[in-house]
Amino acid sequence: MRSVTSRAKSIALISSYAQSLVRFRLDLIRAMIAEGHSVTAFAPEDDDQVRRILAREGCAFEVVEMARTGTNPFADVSLLIRLFTKLRQLRPDVVISYTMKPVIYGGIAARLLRIPERYALMTGLGHVFADPEPRGKARILRGLSTWLYRRGLRGVNRVFVYNGADEAEIRQLRMIDRHTSLIRVAGTGVNLDRFAQSPLPEGAPRFLLIARLLAAKGVREYVEAARRLREDWPEAQFRIVGPLDPNPNGIGPEEVATWRQSGAVEYCGETSDVRPFLDAASVFVLPSYYREGVPRSILEAMSKGRPVITTNLPGCGDTIEEGVSGYFVPPRDTDALTDRMRRFLDAPESVASMGRQARKRAEQAFDIHAVNAHLIAEMGLSRVHRNRAPRASKVA
């Protein structure tokens, strides 16, 4: 762990998605500002809501055009130039990047500018690394991604990972040199007050999946399981919340329309606040085989006191305890998923008992304030003299 710092620092936080700054990083931003540091957040969308929320917290916001997905080399070189220009203007003491393109191109730009402190939050390696034995185009893309990660991570002070599998793969593929510290943290954590435990809805269990509409999130398996179960439990509810995604792995609006027409699931679209949907749900489902970090959606459901059905893969497998706070299913296994969902329908009393255990585990392992304190200490951003403590969440 690094020592405390006696001076305030200028921090640049680089993201590939503006909403993630307020959904997943707002408590971290508050904590860094509470230590006396100034924070400027970068993201590709000029989102008025994000700008207002960050401004209210004392965080500046800068737009940097960026395609979250895609492998166009000209677009990526342009991104590198834009980040270089923005960081040269700001001249921060510290650069913190998260998600793939900010880690790679933000890391390269910060190194070229000789910014003294650079940190990477590896929130998950992404779908490129999901297949342990890629072939053809996938193998080439994986090799290219590894090469780019090596350049983006060269010379960083710390790399933070969310699960043991990512830690092992980063070392195995030599994405970092032997002098770079690789530190494991408990994901983004979850705000236990903002996601306070709430009463379960009455009646038959209600299932909820929250995710971007990517095939690798297990969305199609969930829809098929819902279709099968609805035949015997027409009163049960199966909901999906989340945005369409331009990723090549994304599910298109035409397919979503067929789900609506079939009546198997209710697609609720994207939301800026998932809490009402979690309150209305009994069981949370995320049968993902995407290369996750630690899914925030699962942590939020656990904090709300909802049992979880997910896969025992990197990230997802670090969340619940099998048979205690939920169930694991094999990836891409619709039969197993249907069976675990049916267990809650057959024994609805297990929802409450497992939900209590889920909340307990969230409190013990994923408290966001403990996670952020760990990050801040490891980045050497803890001040000897603090002026104020982090404020409670104001986001409605």
Protein backbone atom coordinates (compact mmCIF):
# COMPACT_ATOMS: atom_id res chain seq x y z
CA MET A 1 0.00 0.00 0.00
CA ARG A 2 1.28 3.45 -0.87
CA SER A 3 1.87 6.19 1.68
CA VAL A 4 -0.47 9.13 2.16
CA THR A 5 0.03 12.37 0.26
CA SER A 6 0.33 15.80 1.83
CA ARG A 7 -0.84 17.78 -1.19
CA ALA A 8 -3.94 18.04 -3.32
CA LYS A 9 -3.67 16.62 -6.83
CA SER A 10 -5.36 17.12 -10.17
CA ILE A 11 -6.97 13.87 -11.34
CA ALA A 12 -8.25 12.92 -14.81
CA LEU A 13 -10.80 10.07 -14.85
CA ILE A 14 -11.30 8.63 -18.36
CA SER A 15 -14.41 6.61 -19.22
CA SER A 16 -15.93 5.24 -22.43
CA TYR A 17 -19.54 5.83 -21.30
CA ALA A 18 -20.78 9.02 -19.64
CA GLN A 19 -23.58 7.40 -17.64
CA SER A 20 -21.08 5.04 -16.00
CA LEU A 21 -19.52 8.05 -14.27
CA VAL A 22 -22.67 8.64 -12.22
CA ARG A 23 -23.93 5.06 -12.05
CA PHE A 24 -20.68 3.35 -11.08
CA ARG A 25 -18.04 5.97 -10.20
CA LEU A 26 -19.84 8.79 -8.41
CA ASP A 27 -18.95 7.56 -4.93
CA LEU A 28 -15.29 7.23 -5.96
CA ILE A 29 -15.34 10.75 -7.41
CA ARG A 30 -16.88 12.05 -4.16
CA ALA A 31 -14.27 10.25 -2.10
CA MET A 32 -11.37 11.71 -4.11
CA ILE A 33 -12.83 15.22 -3.89
CA ALA A 34 -13.36 14.73 -0.15
CA GLU A 35 -9.62 14.08 0.12
CA GLY A 36 -9.07 17.56 -1.32
CA HIS A 37 -8.22 16.59 -4.90
CA SER A 38 -9.69 18.13 -8.06
CA VAL A 39 -11.29 15.71 -10.52
CA THR A 40 -12.04 16.10 -14.24
CA ALA A 41 -14.04 13.30 -15.85
CA PHE A 42 -13.82 12.46 -19.57
CA ALA A 43 -16.45 10.58 -21.60
CA PRO A 44 -17.63 10.51 -25.24
CA GLU A 45 -21.23 11.70 -24.79
CA ASP A 46 -22.20 15.27 -23.93
CA ASP A 47 -24.82 14.13 -21.44
CA ASP A 48 -26.55 17.07 -19.73
CA GLN A 49 -27.70 14.96 -16.78
CA VAL A 50 -24.19 13.64 -16.18
CA ARG A 51 -22.72 17.13 -16.50
CA ARG A 52 -25.20 18.53 -13.94
CA ILE A 53 -24.66 15.74 -11.42
CA LEU A 54 -20.88 15.95 -11.66
CA ALA A 55 -20.92 19.75 -11.43
CA ARG A 56 -23.03 19.51 -8.27
CA GLU A 57 -20.30 17.33 -6.76
CA GLY A 58 -17.52 19.71 -7.82
CA CYS A 59 -16.26 17.51 -10.66
CA ALA A 60 -15.48 19.02 -14.08
CA PHE A 61 -16.66 17.19 -17.21
CA GLU A 62 -14.99 17.08 -20.63
CA VAL A 63 -16.30 15.43 -23.79
CA VAL A 64 -13.85 13.35 -25.82
CA GLU A 65 -15.27 11.68 -28.92
CA MET A 66 -14.82 7.92 -28.74
CA ALA A 67 -16.36 4.78 -30.25
CA ARG A 68 -16.71 2.26 -27.41
CA THR A 69 -16.57 -0.65 -29.83
CA GLY A 70 -14.97 -1.28 -33.20
CA THR A 71 -11.45 -1.86 -34.49
CA ASN A 72 -11.07 0.95 -37.03
CA PRO A 73 -7.38 1.92 -36.71
CA PHE A 74 -7.98 5.45 -38.02
CA ALA A 75 -10.69 6.05 -35.41
CA ASP A 76 -8.41 4.73 -32.67
CA VAL A 77 -5.47 6.90 -33.76
CA SER A 78 -7.83 9.89 -33.77
CA LEU A 79 -8.92 8.96 -30.24
CA LEU A 80 -5.29 8.84 -29.11
CA ILE A 81 -4.69 12.31 -30.56
CA ARG A 82 -7.82 13.70 -28.88
CA LEU A 83 -6.88 12.25 -25.50
CA PHE A 84 -3.31 13.50 -25.88
CA THR A 85 -4.60 17.00 -26.65
CA LYS A 86 -7.08 17.03 -23.74
CA LEU A 87 -4.55 15.75 -21.22
CA ARG A 88 -1.88 18.16 -22.45
CA GLN A 89 -4.29 21.03 -21.83
CA LEU A 90 -5.27 19.79 -18.36
CA ARG A 91 -1.82 18.58 -17.26
CA PRO A 92 -3.15 16.39 -14.43
CA ASP A 93 -0.97 14.82 -11.76
CA VAL A 94 -2.93 11.56 -11.97
CA VAL A 95 -4.72 9.70 -14.79
CA ILE A 96 -7.20 6.92 -13.94
CA SER A 97 -8.68 5.00 -16.89
CA TYR A 98 -11.28 2.25 -17.01
CA THR A 99 -12.72 0.03 -19.76
CA MET A 100 -10.69 -1.11 -22.73
CA LYS A 101 -10.18 1.94 -24.98
CA PRO A 102 -9.56 4.45 -22.17
CA VAL A 103 -7.07 2.04 -20.57
CA ILE A 104 -5.20 1.56 -23.85
CA TYR A 105 -5.28 5.00 -25.45
CA GLY A 106 -5.54 7.01 -22.24
CA GLY A 107 -2.55 5.05 -20.95
CA ILE A 108 -0.49 5.71 -24.09
CA ALA A 109 -1.37 9.42 -24.12
CA ALA A 110 -0.53 9.83 -20.43
CA ARG A 111 2.81 8.07 -20.89
CA LEU A 112 3.74 10.24 -23.88
CA LEU A 113 2.96 13.30 -21.75
CA ARG A 114 5.00 11.88 -18.87
CA ILE A 115 2.14 12.27 -16.44
CA PRO A 116 3.69 10.96 -13.22
CA GLU A 117 0.87 8.80 -11.83
CA ARG A 118 -1.15 6.47 -14.06
CA TYR A 119 -3.66 3.82 -12.96
CA ALA A 120 -5.80 1.32 -14.85
CA LEU A 121 -9.05 -0.16 -13.53
CA MET A 122 -9.54 -3.40 -15.44
CA THR A 123 -13.29 -3.78 -15.10
CA GLY A 124 -13.16 -6.93 -17.24
CA LEU A 125 -11.12 -7.96 -20.26
CA GLY A 126 -14.19 -8.00 -22.53
CA HIS A 127 -15.78 -10.44 -24.96
CA VAL A 128 -12.53 -10.78 -26.95
CA PHE A 129 -11.10 -12.83 -24.06
CA ALA A 130 -14.23 -14.85 -23.27
CA ASP A 131 -13.28 -17.83 -25.46
CA PRO A 132 -10.29 -19.72 -23.98
CA GLU A 133 -9.44 -21.17 -27.42
CA PRO A 134 -10.25 -18.52 -30.05
CA ARG A 135 -9.95 -19.33 -33.74
CA GLY A 136 -9.71 -17.41 -36.98
CA LYS A 137 -10.69 -13.76 -36.72
CA ALA A 138 -11.32 -14.04 -32.98
CA ARG A 139 -7.76 -15.25 -32.44
CA ILE A 140 -6.33 -12.36 -34.46
CA LEU A 141 -8.48 -9.85 -32.57
CA ARG A 142 -7.41 -11.31 -29.25
CA GLY A 143 -3.74 -11.09 -30.24
CA LEU A 144 -4.17 -7.47 -31.33
CA SER A 145 -6.01 -6.60 -28.12
CA THR A 146 -3.23 -8.15 -26.03
CA TRP A 147 -0.60 -6.16 -27.96
CA LEU A 148 -2.56 -2.94 -27.40
CA TYR A 149 -3.07 -3.63 -23.70
CA ARG A 150 0.69 -4.08 -23.32
CA ARG A 151 1.27 -0.62 -24.75
CA GLY A 152 -1.52 1.01 -22.77
CA LEU A 153 -0.36 -0.55 -19.49
CA ARG A 154 3.35 0.07 -19.99
CA GLY A 155 4.75 2.01 -17.06
CA VAL A 156 1.49 2.39 -15.11
CA ASN A 157 1.83 2.63 -11.35
CA ARG A 158 -0.94 0.18 -10.49
CA VAL A 159 -3.36 -2.10 -12.34
CA PHE A 160 -6.55 -2.98 -10.46
CA VAL A 161 -8.47 -6.14 -11.34
CA TYR A 162 -11.85 -7.44 -10.19
CA ASN A 163 -11.35 -11.20 -10.29
CA GLY A 164 -8.67 -13.86 -10.12
CA ALA A 165 -9.14 -15.06 -13.70
CA ASP A 166 -8.36 -11.61 -15.12
CA GLU A 167 -5.38 -11.33 -12.80
CA ALA A 168 -4.01 -14.67 -14.01
CA GLU A 169 -4.59 -13.88 -17.70
CA ILE A 170 -2.98 -10.45 -17.48
CA ARG A 171 0.12 -12.08 -16.04
CA GLN A 172 0.07 -15.06 -18.42
CA LEU A 173 -0.23 -12.83 -21.50
CA ARG A 174 2.41 -10.46 -20.10
CA MET A 175 0.24 -7.39 -20.45
CA ILE A 176 2.30 -5.80 -17.67
CA ASP A 177 5.97 -6.05 -16.75
CA ARG A 178 7.25 -7.55 -13.53
CA HIS A 179 7.66 -4.12 -11.92
CA THR A 180 3.97 -3.20 -12.21
CA SER A 181 1.76 -3.87 -9.20
CA LEU A 182 -1.41 -5.87 -9.93
CA ILE A 183 -4.01 -5.44 -7.19
CA ARG A 184 -7.34 -7.19 -6.79
CA VAL A 185 -10.36 -5.22 -5.54
CA ALA A 186 -14.00 -6.20 -4.94
CA GLY A 187 -15.37 -4.77 -8.17
CA THR A 188 -16.91 -1.31 -8.07
CA GLY A 189 -18.66 -2.18 -4.82
CA VAL A 190 -22.25 -1.18 -4.11
CA ASN A 191 -23.74 1.68 -2.10
CA LEU A 192 -25.58 -0.24 0.62
CA ASP A 193 -27.64 2.81 1.61
CA ARG A 194 -28.71 3.76 -1.89
CA PHE A 195 -29.55 0.11 -2.59
CA ALA A 196 -31.14 -0.59 0.78
CA GLN A 197 -32.86 -3.91 1.33
CA SER A 198 -36.53 -3.67 0.35
CA PRO A 199 -39.60 -5.90 0.89
CA LEU A 200 -40.24 -8.64 -1.63
CA PRO A 201 -43.29 -8.27 -3.87
CA GLU A 202 -46.27 -10.45 -3.06
CA GLY A 203 -47.49 -13.27 -5.27
CA ALA A 204 -45.60 -15.51 -7.66
CA PRO A 205 -41.86 -14.87 -8.04
CA ARG A 206 -40.93 -12.14 -10.48
CA PHE A 207 -37.68 -12.53 -12.40
CA LEU A 208 -35.51 -9.66 -13.64
CA LEU A 209 -32.47 -9.43 -15.91
CA ILE A 210 -30.60 -6.12 -16.14
CA ALA A 211 -27.91 -5.90 -18.82
CA ARG A 212 -26.92 -4.42 -22.13
CA LEU A 213 -28.61 -6.48 -24.81
CA LEU A 214 -25.64 -8.63 -25.74
CA ALA A 215 -25.97 -12.31 -26.58
CA ALA A 216 -23.02 -13.05 -24.29
CA LYS A 217 -24.95 -11.67 -21.32
CA GLY A 218 -27.17 -14.76 -21.57
CA VAL A 219 -30.20 -12.77 -22.65
CA ARG A 220 -31.42 -15.30 -25.22
CA GLU A 221 -31.14 -18.15 -22.72
CA TYR A 222 -33.19 -16.12 -20.25
CA VAL A 223 -35.89 -15.43 -22.85
CA GLU A 224 -36.12 -19.11 -23.77
CA ALA A 225 -36.29 -20.15 -20.10
CA ALA A 226 -39.09 -17.62 -19.56
CA ARG A 227 -40.98 -18.99 -22.56
CA ARG A 228 -40.80 -22.52 -21.16
CA LEU A 229 -41.77 -21.56 -17.62
CA ARG A 230 -44.69 -19.38 -18.67
CA GLU A 231 -46.48 -22.49 -19.93
CA ASP A 232 -46.84 -23.78 -16.34
CA TRP A 233 -46.76 -20.45 -14.48
CA PRO A 234 -48.67 -17.91 -16.58
CA GLU A 235 -48.88 -15.59 -13.55
CA ALA A 236 -45.08 -15.34 -13.23
CA GLN A 237 -43.32 -12.22 -14.50
CA PHE A 238 -40.12 -12.11 -16.55
CA ARG A 239 -38.59 -8.69 -17.21
CA ILE A 240 -35.55 -7.36 -19.05
CA VAL A 241 -34.08 -3.90 -18.42
CA GLY A 242 -31.17 -2.52 -20.42
CA PRO A 243 -30.16 -0.68 -23.58
CA LEU A 244 -29.57 -1.96 -27.07
CA ASP A 245 -25.84 -2.13 -27.80
CA PRO A 246 -23.94 -1.48 -31.08
CA ASN A 247 -21.48 -4.26 -30.20
CA PRO A 248 -21.23 -6.95 -32.93
CA ASN A 249 -22.53 -9.30 -30.25
CA GLY A 250 -25.58 -7.08 -29.75
CA ILE A 251 -29.22 -8.14 -30.05
CA GLY A 252 -31.17 -6.04 -32.55
CA PRO A 253 -34.54 -4.29 -32.16
CA GLU A 254 -36.24 -6.75 -34.54
CA GLU A 255 -35.48 -9.65 -32.21
CA VAL A 256 -36.63 -7.65 -29.20
CA ALA A 257 -39.90 -6.95 -31.02
CA THR A 258 -40.50 -10.70 -31.43
CA TRP A 259 -40.04 -11.17 -27.68
CA ARG A 260 -42.69 -8.57 -27.01
CA GLN A 261 -45.08 -10.12 -29.49
CA SER A 262 -44.64 -13.60 -28.01
CA GLY A 263 -45.41 -12.36 -24.50
CA ALA A 264 -42.59 -14.48 -23.04
CA VAL A 265 -40.83 -11.49 -21.48
CA GLU A 266 -41.49 -7.82 -20.84
CA TYR A 267 -38.76 -5.59 -22.25
CA CYS A 268 -38.66 -2.35 -20.25
CA GLY A 269 -35.90 -0.54 -22.17
CA GLU A 270 -33.11 1.48 -20.60
CA THR A 271 -33.42 3.33 -17.30
CA SER A 272 -31.29 5.76 -15.32
CA ASP A 273 -32.47 4.21 -12.04
CA VAL A 274 -32.79 0.44 -11.66
CA ARG A 275 -34.04 0.54 -8.07
CA PRO A 276 -37.78 0.51 -8.84
CA PHE A 277 -37.28 -2.53 -11.06
CA LEU A 278 -35.28 -4.33 -8.37
CA ASP A 279 -37.95 -3.47 -5.80
CA ALA A 280 -40.59 -5.02 -8.06
CA ALA A 281 -38.54 -8.20 -8.61
CA SER A 282 -38.15 -11.33 -6.51
CA VAL A 283 -35.15 -12.98 -8.21
CA PHE A 284 -32.31 -11.48 -10.25
CA VAL A 285 -30.96 -13.42 -13.23
CA LEU A 286 -27.74 -12.82 -15.19
CA PRO A 287 -26.61 -16.01 -17.00
CA SER A 288 -23.66 -14.17 -18.54
CA TYR A 289 -20.74 -15.74 -20.38
CA TYR A 290 -19.32 -12.31 -21.24
CA ARG A 291 -15.87 -11.74 -19.73
CA GLU A 292 -17.16 -9.75 -16.75
CA GLY A 293 -15.23 -7.95 -14.04
CA VAL A 294 -17.70 -8.15 -11.15
CA PRO A 295 -21.16 -7.22 -12.50
CA ARG A 296 -22.50 -4.19 -10.67
CA SER A 297 -26.06 -5.27 -11.48
CA ILE A 298 -25.60 -8.43 -9.40
CA LEU A 299 -24.18 -6.46 -6.47
CA GLU A 300 -27.12 -4.05 -6.57
CA ALA A 301 -29.60 -6.92 -6.61
CA MET A 302 -27.83 -8.58 -3.66
CA SER A 303 -27.81 -5.31 -1.73
CA LYS A 304 -31.57 -5.05 -2.32
CA GLY A 305 -31.97 -8.51 -0.79
CA ARG A 306 -32.64 -10.46 -3.98
CA PRO A 307 -31.28 -13.96 -4.62
CA VAL A 308 -29.29 -14.31 -7.83
CA ILE A 309 -28.99 -16.88 -10.61
CA THR A 310 -25.77 -16.45 -12.57
CA THR A 311 -22.84 -18.36 -14.06
CA ASN A 312 -19.77 -19.57 -12.20
CA LEU A 313 -17.45 -17.75 -14.59
CA PRO A 314 -14.89 -15.00 -13.92
CA GLY A 315 -16.61 -12.06 -12.24
CA CYS A 316 -20.07 -13.56 -11.84
CA GLY A 317 -18.61 -16.48 -9.89
CA ASP A 318 -17.15 -14.10 -7.29
CA THR A 319 -20.53 -12.78 -6.19
CA ILE A 320 -22.93 -15.28 -4.60
CA GLU A 321 -22.55 -18.48 -2.58
CA GLU A 322 -24.05 -21.52 -4.29
CA GLY A 323 -27.28 -22.66 -2.66
CA VAL A 324 -27.02 -19.93 -0.01
CA SER A 325 -27.62 -16.60 -1.76
CA GLY A 326 -28.50 -17.97 -5.19
CA TYR A 327 -27.58 -20.55 -7.80
CA PHE A 328 -24.88 -20.98 -10.42
CA VAL A 329 -25.67 -22.36 -13.87
CA PRO A 330 -23.30 -23.43 -16.65
CA PRO A 331 -22.92 -20.89 -19.49
CA ARG A 332 -25.24 -21.26 -22.49
CA ASP A 333 -27.26 -23.95 -20.65
CA THR A 334 -30.93 -23.08 -21.03
CA ASP A 335 -32.04 -26.34 -19.40
CA ALA A 336 -30.07 -25.63 -16.23
CA LEU A 337 -31.25 -22.02 -16.15
CA THR A 338 -34.87 -23.11 -16.51
CA ASP A 339 -34.41 -25.63 -13.69
CA ARG A 340 -32.96 -23.06 -11.24
CA MET A 341 -35.68 -20.55 -12.03
CA ARG A 342 -38.28 -23.30 -11.56
CA ARG A 343 -36.89 -24.00 -8.08
CA PHE A 344 -37.95 -20.54 -6.95
CA LEU A 345 -41.39 -21.03 -8.50
CA ASP A 346 -41.79 -24.41 -6.77
CA ALA A 347 -40.49 -23.14 -3.41
CA PRO A 348 -41.20 -19.38 -3.24
CA GLU A 349 -40.33 -19.34 0.47
CA SER A 350 -36.66 -19.81 -0.50
CA VAL A 351 -36.65 -16.37 -2.14
CA ALA A 352 -36.77 -14.56 1.20
CA SER A 353 -34.17 -16.72 2.96
CA MET A 354 -31.70 -16.58 0.07
CA GLY A 355 -32.37 -12.87 -0.35
CA ARG A 356 -31.36 -12.20 3.25
CA GLN A 357 -28.13 -14.09 2.68
CA ALA A 358 -27.47 -12.10 -0.50
CA ARG A 359 -27.81 -8.83 1.43
CA LYS A 360 -25.51 -10.15 4.16
CA ARG A 361 -22.82 -11.04 1.62
CA ALA A 362 -23.12 -7.61 -0.04
CA GLU A 363 -22.56 -5.98 3.35
CA GLN A 364 -19.56 -8.15 4.16
CA ALA A 365 -17.74 -8.17 0.82
CA PHE A 366 -18.90 -5.34 -1.44
CA ASP A 367 -19.46 -2.15 0.59
CA ILE A 368 -18.56 0.64 -1.85
CA HIS A 369 -16.97 2.84 0.79
CA ALA A 370 -14.55 0.07 1.78
CA VAL A 371 -13.76 -0.62 -1.89
CA ASN A 372 -13.10 3.06 -2.63
CA ALA A 373 -10.98 3.48 0.51
CA HIS A 374 -8.85 0.57 -0.71
CA LEU A 375 -8.45 2.14 -4.17
CA ILE A 376 -7.61 5.58 -2.81
CA ALA A 377 -5.04 4.18 -0.40
CA GLU A 378 -3.37 2.08 -3.11
CA MET A 379 -3.19 5.11 -5.42
CA GLY A 380 -1.58 7.19 -2.69
CA LEU A 381 -4.46 9.68 -2.71
CA SER A 382 -5.23 9.56 1.01
CA ARG A 383 -4.52 12.95 2.56
CA VAL A 384 -2.93 13.47 5.97
CA HIS A 385 -5.45 16.23 6.74
CA ARG A 386 -9.00 15.86 5.48
CA ASN A 387 -11.38 18.78 5.35
CA ARG A 388 -14.62 16.86 4.91
CA ALA A 389 -16.11 13.41 4.52
CA PRO A 390 -17.84 11.98 1.44
CA ARG A 391 -21.43 13.12 1.11
CA ALA A 392 -24.39 10.81 0.93
CA SER A 393 -25.77 10.06 -2.51
CA LYS A 394 -28.02 12.76 -3.95
CA VAL A 395 -28.92 11.01 -7.17
CA ALA A 396 -32.63 10.26 -7.12
